């Protein structure tokens, strides 16, 4: 959870933490994805919460929408803080609350991605096993979702509670933590990294197994199955691509960054600066996840896809079709003029078109 080290005022050597990229470019980029994600996730929430939770997949996807909305809530606070608005009080809010909420949302979302991959694996590859029928139950999916939220809150919320020290002269988020808070911060950071790598390995195994199973099944029935394979590959690729793009770079970068934080004397000022910039850039990729998750919903969930296309079609027809009032006026004018049969037939043809 290295985000806590980013919201600080200028230390003695300001080049360690301050640059055009982190204080000007990144706030603009966060503002853009905040606007886009607000529209995309608002649409996703509107669709998902109008349909019943009839499957385990829908339960997990609905929870992912909630996760994305919570993560999205933290972006405006970060933007204002990075631009220098709000002073130390805003930085305190970011350190104590919104940074914790950001990481809570991110790792909860990663957990739900791994649950989706596990559910897909047992439904497609091990569909005859007892575990498959167990995991397909909506009630079990809801229990697993509640357990996920409960465990993540248990590990993450103390980071907010234990950020309770008086405001220091040289501000940094870590100086606001008590001794227990700093130890808990390290424990929760290791816990989150463990969640990421476990989820990554699980997803690679599950989706590789699914791809192989679909390929061999299509080959065994000896029929043209290119469309089925294409749909399966699209579904698998969308989730894996989003996961790898958003989360792998950050967790690969945080290893040397965390090492540099613990062994500051072994790294030059320039190296500290470069690692900080890299960590901030890859953290932005993690934040970009809120814009890409709707792609997962579209490819993985037929209910979401059909509802979205149906609503878009309805909106399109609404704006292209004449209103009832205009249609009544048009019919009255036709009746008064009493046109010939030929003209009537042409009008009827035009109406049908």
Protein backbone atom coordinates (compact mmCIF):
# COMPACT_ATOMS: atom_id res chain seq x y z
CA UNK A 1 0.00 0.00 0.00
CA UNK A 2 2.59 2.48 -1.15
CA UNK A 3 -0.06 5.09 -1.89
CA UNK A 4 0.43 6.37 1.64
CA UNK A 5 3.92 7.53 0.77
CA UNK A 6 2.78 9.64 -2.17
CA UNK A 7 0.60 12.20 -0.41
CA UNK A 8 3.15 14.29 1.36
CA UNK A 9 4.44 17.83 1.32
CA UNK A 10 7.78 18.86 -0.07
CA UNK A 11 10.66 17.43 1.94
CA UNK A 12 14.17 18.84 2.00
CA UNK A 13 14.92 17.52 -1.46
CA UNK A 14 11.71 18.17 -3.33
CA UNK A 15 12.81 16.29 -6.44
CA UNK A 16 12.30 13.05 -4.52
CA UNK A 17 8.54 13.33 -4.67
CA UNK A 18 7.61 16.19 -6.96
CA UNK A 19 7.53 16.29 -10.74
CA UNK A 20 5.44 17.54 -13.60
CA UNK A 21 4.26 13.99 -14.21
CA UNK A 22 2.91 13.29 -10.71
CA UNK A 23 1.57 16.77 -9.94
CA UNK A 24 0.23 17.88 -13.32
CA UNK A 25 -0.08 15.02 -15.80
CA UNK A 26 -1.47 12.37 -13.46
CA UNK A 27 -4.24 14.60 -12.01
CA UNK A 28 -5.44 15.31 -15.56
CA UNK A 29 -5.39 11.60 -16.43
CA UNK A 30 -7.23 10.70 -13.23
CA UNK A 31 -9.86 13.33 -14.03
CA UNK A 32 -10.39 11.84 -17.50
CA UNK A 33 -10.83 8.27 -16.28
CA UNK A 34 -13.05 9.53 -13.47
CA UNK A 35 -15.44 11.11 -15.99
CA UNK A 36 -15.41 8.07 -18.29
CA UNK A 37 -15.79 5.58 -15.44
CA UNK A 38 -18.70 7.55 -13.98
CA UNK A 39 -20.66 7.06 -17.22
CA UNK A 40 -19.63 3.43 -17.80
CA UNK A 41 -20.18 2.23 -14.25
CA UNK A 42 -23.38 4.21 -13.91
CA UNK A 43 -24.70 2.39 -16.98
CA UNK A 44 -23.44 -0.96 -15.65
CA UNK A 45 -25.10 -0.40 -12.27
CA UNK A 46 -28.36 0.65 -13.93
CA UNK A 47 -28.41 -2.58 -15.98
CA UNK A 48 -27.18 -5.03 -13.35
CA UNK A 49 -29.43 -3.93 -10.53
CA UNK A 50 -32.52 -4.20 -12.73
CA UNK A 51 -31.98 -7.95 -13.20
CA UNK A 52 -32.22 -10.59 -10.45
CA UNK A 53 -29.14 -12.38 -9.14
CA UNK A 54 -30.03 -15.64 -10.87
CA UNK A 55 -26.50 -17.06 -11.05
CA UNK A 56 -23.24 -17.02 -9.11
CA UNK A 57 -21.59 -15.10 -11.95
CA UNK A 58 -24.14 -12.29 -11.67
CA UNK A 59 -23.56 -12.08 -7.91
CA UNK A 60 -19.81 -11.62 -8.41
CA UNK A 61 -20.22 -9.14 -11.27
CA UNK A 62 -22.65 -7.03 -9.24
CA UNK A 63 -20.12 -6.90 -6.42
CA UNK A 64 -17.46 -5.82 -8.91
CA UNK A 65 -19.69 -2.90 -9.91
CA UNK A 66 -19.92 -1.87 -6.25
CA UNK A 67 -16.13 -2.17 -5.92
CA UNK A 68 -15.58 0.05 -8.96
CA UNK A 69 -17.99 2.70 -7.70
CA UNK A 70 -16.19 2.81 -4.33
CA UNK A 71 -12.82 3.08 -6.04
CA UNK A 72 -14.15 5.79 -8.34
CA UNK A 73 -15.22 7.81 -5.29
CA UNK A 74 -11.56 8.17 -4.21
CA UNK A 75 -10.28 9.75 -7.44
CA UNK A 76 -11.54 13.34 -6.99
CA UNK A 77 -9.91 13.52 -3.56
CA UNK A 78 -6.58 12.40 -4.97
CA UNK A 79 -6.79 14.85 -7.88
CA UNK A 80 -7.47 17.82 -5.60
CA UNK A 81 -4.69 16.77 -3.22
CA UNK A 82 -2.12 16.32 -6.00
CA UNK A 83 -3.02 19.73 -7.45
CA UNK A 84 -2.34 21.33 -4.06
CA UNK A 85 -5.89 22.21 -3.05
CA UNK A 86 -7.25 21.73 0.46
CA UNK A 87 -3.95 22.01 2.30
CA UNK A 88 -2.93 19.57 5.00
CA UNK A 89 -6.50 18.82 6.01
CA UNK A 90 -7.28 17.34 2.60
CA UNK A 91 -4.04 15.36 2.67
CA UNK A 92 -5.08 14.01 6.06
CA UNK A 93 -8.42 12.85 4.60
CA UNK A 94 -6.59 11.17 1.72
CA UNK A 95 -4.13 9.42 4.03
CA UNK A 96 -6.64 8.25 6.57
CA UNK A 97 -9.72 7.45 4.50
CA UNK A 98 -9.66 7.58 0.70
CA UNK A 99 -6.29 5.84 0.27
CA UNK A 100 -7.50 3.00 2.46
CA UNK A 101 -10.76 2.82 0.48
CA UNK A 102 -8.80 2.77 -2.78
CA UNK A 103 -6.76 -0.27 -1.78
CA UNK A 104 -9.73 -1.97 -0.13
CA UNK A 105 -11.62 -1.66 -3.42
CA UNK A 106 -8.69 -2.73 -5.58
CA UNK A 107 -7.91 -5.95 -3.72
CA UNK A 108 -11.57 -6.79 -3.19
CA UNK A 109 -12.03 -6.49 -6.95
CA UNK A 110 -9.03 -8.75 -7.55
CA UNK A 111 -10.57 -11.33 -5.21
CA UNK A 112 -13.87 -11.25 -7.10
CA UNK A 113 -12.00 -11.72 -10.38
CA UNK A 114 -10.41 -14.87 -8.95
CA UNK A 115 -13.81 -16.11 -7.73
CA UNK A 116 -15.22 -15.62 -11.23
CA UNK A 117 -12.38 -17.62 -12.76
CA UNK A 118 -12.94 -20.41 -10.23
CA UNK A 119 -16.68 -20.46 -10.89
CA UNK A 120 -16.12 -20.58 -14.67
CA UNK A 121 -13.57 -23.38 -14.28
CA UNK A 122 -15.89 -25.67 -12.32
CA UNK A 123 -18.89 -24.86 -14.50
CA UNK A 124 -17.09 -25.62 -17.79
CA UNK A 125 -14.26 -28.04 -17.02
CA UNK A 126 -15.56 -29.86 -13.90
CA UNK A 127 -19.28 -29.43 -14.43
CA UNK A 128 -20.15 -32.99 -13.27
CA UNK A 129 -18.38 -32.70 -9.92
CA UNK A 130 -20.15 -32.01 -6.66
CA UNK A 131 -18.03 -28.90 -6.12
CA UNK A 132 -19.37 -27.45 -9.35
CA UNK A 133 -23.01 -27.69 -8.29
CA UNK A 134 -22.04 -26.31 -4.87
CA UNK A 135 -20.30 -23.24 -6.31
CA UNK A 136 -23.12 -22.59 -8.80
CA UNK A 137 -25.61 -21.94 -5.99
CA UNK A 138 -26.55 -18.29 -5.68
CA UNK A 139 -26.69 -18.59 -1.88
CA UNK A 140 -23.10 -19.88 -1.77
CA UNK A 141 -21.95 -17.06 -4.06
CA UNK A 142 -23.55 -14.51 -1.74
CA UNK A 143 -21.85 -16.09 1.29
CA UNK A 144 -18.46 -16.00 -0.47
CA UNK A 145 -19.07 -12.37 -1.43
CA UNK A 146 -19.85 -11.45 2.19
CA UNK A 147 -16.77 -13.33 3.40
CA UNK A 148 -14.63 -11.47 0.86
CA UNK A 149 -15.87 -8.08 2.04
CA UNK A 150 -15.53 -9.09 5.69
CA UNK A 151 -11.95 -10.36 5.42
CA UNK A 152 -10.81 -7.38 3.35
CA UNK A 153 -12.33 -4.91 5.80
CA UNK A 154 -10.74 -6.77 8.71
CA UNK A 155 -7.29 -6.25 7.20
CA UNK A 156 -7.77 -2.78 5.71
CA UNK A 157 -9.92 -0.71 8.08
CA UNK A 158 -7.34 -0.72 10.92
CA UNK A 159 -5.11 1.30 8.58
CA UNK A 160 -7.64 4.12 8.88
CA UNK A 161 -8.22 3.69 12.62
CA UNK A 162 -4.51 3.57 13.48
CA UNK A 163 -3.70 6.72 11.46
CA UNK A 164 -4.35 8.79 14.57
CA UNK A 165 -1.19 10.75 15.45
CA UNK A 166 -0.99 14.57 15.70
CA UNK A 167 -0.16 16.49 12.55
CA UNK A 168 3.66 16.63 12.19
CA UNK A 169 5.66 19.63 10.97
CA UNK A 170 6.98 17.67 7.96
CA UNK A 171 3.88 15.89 6.73
CA UNK A 172 3.79 12.32 5.47
CA UNK A 173 1.13 9.67 5.80
CA UNK A 174 3.40 7.25 7.64
CA UNK A 175 4.18 9.81 10.37
CA UNK A 176 0.44 9.97 11.13
CA UNK A 177 0.46 6.29 12.09
CA UNK A 178 1.14 4.91 15.54
CA UNK A 179 3.76 2.20 16.03
CA UNK A 180 1.03 -0.42 15.85
CA UNK A 181 -0.33 1.32 12.76
CA UNK A 182 3.00 1.07 10.95
CA UNK A 183 3.29 -2.62 11.82
CA UNK A 184 -0.29 -3.26 10.71
CA UNK A 185 0.37 -1.36 7.50
CA UNK A 186 3.21 -3.75 6.70
CA UNK A 187 1.10 -6.81 7.55
CA UNK A 188 -1.79 -5.67 5.36
CA UNK A 189 0.59 -4.80 2.52
CA UNK A 190 2.04 -8.33 2.55
CA UNK A 191 -1.49 -9.75 2.77
CA UNK A 192 -2.58 -7.78 -0.30
CA UNK A 193 0.46 -8.82 -2.32
CA UNK A 194 -0.27 -12.43 -1.41
CA UNK A 195 -3.87 -12.01 -2.61
CA UNK A 196 -2.68 -10.62 -5.93
CA UNK A 197 -0.21 -13.40 -6.74
CA UNK A 198 -2.60 -16.13 -5.58
CA UNK A 199 -5.36 -14.64 -7.76
CA UNK A 200 -3.00 -14.28 -10.72
CA UNK A 201 -1.83 -17.91 -10.57
CA UNK A 202 -5.40 -19.16 -10.05
CA UNK A 203 -6.70 -17.20 -13.04
CA UNK A 204 -3.90 -18.39 -15.33
CA UNK A 205 -4.60 -22.01 -14.34
CA UNK A 206 -8.39 -21.74 -14.65
CA UNK A 207 -8.52 -19.95 -17.99
CA UNK A 208 -5.78 -22.08 -19.53
CA UNK A 209 -7.76 -25.16 -18.51
CA UNK A 210 -10.97 -23.68 -19.90
CA UNK A 211 -9.34 -22.82 -23.23
CA UNK A 212 -7.89 -26.33 -23.58
CA UNK A 213 -11.21 -27.92 -22.60
CA UNK A 214 -13.17 -25.87 -25.15
CA UNK A 215 -10.64 -26.68 -27.88
CA UNK A 216 -10.72 -30.44 -27.25
CA UNK A 217 -14.51 -30.49 -26.89
CA UNK A 218 -14.98 -28.74 -30.22
CA UNK A 219 -12.48 -31.05 -31.87
CA UNK A 220 -14.17 -34.14 -30.42
CA UNK A 221 -17.64 -33.36 -31.81
CA UNK A 222 -16.11 -32.74 -35.27
CA UNK A 223 -18.16 -29.75 -36.29
CA UNK A 224 -17.57 -26.17 -37.25
CA UNK A 225 -17.05 -24.65 -33.83
CA UNK A 226 -15.11 -21.55 -34.75
CA UNK A 227 -17.85 -19.28 -33.37
CA UNK A 228 -18.00 -21.10 -30.02
CA UNK A 229 -14.24 -21.02 -29.69
CA UNK A 230 -14.16 -17.36 -30.65
CA UNK A 231 -16.72 -16.46 -27.99
CA UNK A 232 -14.85 -18.48 -25.37
CA UNK A 233 -11.53 -16.88 -26.28
CA UNK A 234 -13.10 -13.41 -26.17
CA UNK A 235 -14.45 -14.03 -22.69
CA UNK A 236 -11.16 -15.43 -21.39
CA UNK A 237 -8.99 -12.82 -23.05
CA UNK A 238 -11.05 -9.86 -21.83
CA UNK A 239 -10.69 -10.69 -18.13
CA UNK A 240 -7.06 -11.81 -18.32
CA UNK A 241 -6.08 -8.80 -20.44
CA UNK A 242 -7.67 -6.35 -17.99
CA UNK A 243 -6.05 -8.10 -15.04
CA UNK A 244 -2.57 -8.20 -16.59
CA UNK A 245 -2.70 -4.64 -17.92
CA UNK A 246 -4.01 -3.07 -14.72
CA UNK A 247 -2.43 -5.01 -11.87
CA UNK A 248 0.70 -6.89 -12.97
CA UNK A 249 2.84 -3.76 -13.73
CA UNK A 250 2.09 -2.22 -10.33
CA UNK A 251 2.89 -5.36 -8.35
CA UNK A 252 6.05 -5.94 -10.37
CA UNK A 253 7.14 -2.34 -9.74
CA UNK A 254 6.36 -2.23 -6.04
CA UNK A 255 8.96 -4.93 -5.27
CA UNK A 256 12.00 -2.71 -6.05
CA UNK A 257 10.15 0.37 -4.79
CA UNK A 258 9.42 -1.18 -1.39
CA UNK A 259 13.01 -2.43 -1.21
CA UNK A 260 14.26 1.11 -1.88
CA UNK A 261 12.05 2.43 0.93
CA UNK A 262 13.52 -0.02 3.42
CA UNK A 263 17.15 0.40 2.29
CA UNK A 264 17.31 4.08 1.43
CA UNK A 265 21.08 4.29 1.82
CA UNK A 266 21.60 1.75 -0.97
CA UNK A 267 19.78 3.89 -3.55
CA UNK A 268 20.74 7.27 -4.95
CA UNK A 269 18.33 10.20 -4.95
CA UNK A 270 17.88 9.81 -8.69
CA UNK A 271 17.01 6.12 -8.37
CA UNK A 272 14.51 6.88 -5.62
CA UNK A 273 12.91 9.45 -7.90
CA UNK A 274 12.71 7.08 -10.90
CA UNK A 275 11.21 4.26 -8.82
CA UNK A 276 8.65 6.66 -7.37
CA UNK A 277 7.61 7.83 -10.84
CA UNK A 278 7.34 4.23 -12.06
CA UNK A 279 5.25 3.27 -9.05
CA UNK A 280 2.88 6.21 -9.63
CA UNK A 281 2.53 5.39 -13.33
CA UNK A 282 1.72 1.74 -12.67
CA UNK A 283 -0.67 2.71 -9.88
CA UNK A 284 -2.53 4.77 -12.48
CA UNK A 285 -2.88 1.61 -14.59
CA UNK A 286 -4.49 -0.06 -11.58
CA UNK A 287 -6.88 2.87 -11.28
CA UNK A 288 -7.73 2.50 -14.99
CA UNK A 289 -9.40 -0.78 -14.06
CA UNK A 290 -12.68 1.02 -13.33
CA UNK A 291 -12.98 1.93 -17.02
CA UNK A 292 -12.09 -1.54 -18.31
CA UNK A 293 -14.27 -3.69 -16.07
CA UNK A 294 -17.39 -2.91 -18.16
CA UNK A 295 -15.60 -4.65 -21.05
CA UNK A 296 -15.48 -7.78 -18.88
CA UNK A 297 -19.20 -7.48 -18.14
CA UNK A 298 -20.00 -7.21 -21.85
CA UNK A 299 -18.02 -10.26 -22.95
CA UNK A 300 -18.61 -12.53 -19.94
CA UNK A 301 -22.25 -11.90 -19.08
CA UNK A 302 -24.91 -12.55 -21.71
CA UNK A 303 -27.58 -10.94 -19.52
CA UNK A 304 -25.60 -7.70 -19.36
CA UNK A 305 -24.78 -7.79 -23.07
CA UNK A 306 -28.37 -8.42 -24.17
CA UNK A 307 -29.77 -5.79 -21.79
CA UNK A 308 -27.26 -3.21 -23.00
CA UNK A 309 -27.91 -3.89 -26.69
CA UNK A 310 -31.66 -3.92 -26.12
CA UNK A 311 -31.59 -0.56 -24.34
CA UNK A 312 -29.33 0.97 -26.98
CA UNK A 313 -31.67 -0.32 -29.68
CA UNK A 314 -34.69 1.14 -27.87
CA UNK A 315 -33.02 4.53 -27.56
CA UNK A 316 -32.04 4.46 -31.22
CA UNK A 317 -35.59 3.60 -32.32
CA UNK A 318 -37.03 6.28 -30.06
CA UNK A 319 -35.06 9.02 -31.78
CA UNK A 320 -35.52 7.66 -35.29
CA UNK A 321 -39.26 6.86 -35.14
CA UNK A 322 -41.76 9.76 -35.50
CA UNK A 323 -43.84 10.56 -32.46
CA UNK A 324 -47.46 9.40 -32.16
CA UNK A 325 -48.71 12.99 -32.37
CA UNK A 326 -47.01 13.59 -35.71
CA UNK A 327 -48.25 10.22 -36.97
CA UNK A 328 -51.88 11.07 -36.08
CA UNK A 329 -51.62 14.45 -37.81
CA UNK A 330 -50.14 12.80 -40.88
CA UNK A 331 -52.95 10.21 -41.03
CA UNK A 332 -55.59 12.96 -40.72
CA UNK A 333 -54.09 14.91 -43.59
CA UNK A 334 -54.04 11.80 -45.74
CA UNK A 335 -57.72 11.10 -44.97
CA UNK A 336 -58.82 14.65 -45.80
CA UNK A 337 -57.01 14.77 -49.12
CA UNK A 338 -58.42 11.33 -50.15
CA UNK A 339 -55.55 10.43 -52.46
CA UNK A 340 -55.68 7.84 -55.19
CA UNK A 341 -55.00 4.17 -54.53
CA UNK A 342 -51.61 4.52 -56.14
CA UNK A 343 -50.64 7.36 -53.83
CA UNK A 344 -52.01 5.45 -50.85
CA UNK A 345 -49.97 2.43 -51.72
CA UNK A 346 -46.83 4.55 -51.98
CA UNK A 347 -47.57 6.14 -48.60
CA UNK A 348 -48.14 2.71 -47.11
CA UNK A 349 -44.86 1.51 -48.57
CA UNK A 350 -43.12 4.50 -47.12
CA UNK A 351 -44.65 3.85 -43.73
CA UNK A 352 -43.44 0.28 -43.78
CA UNK A 353 -39.95 1.33 -44.74
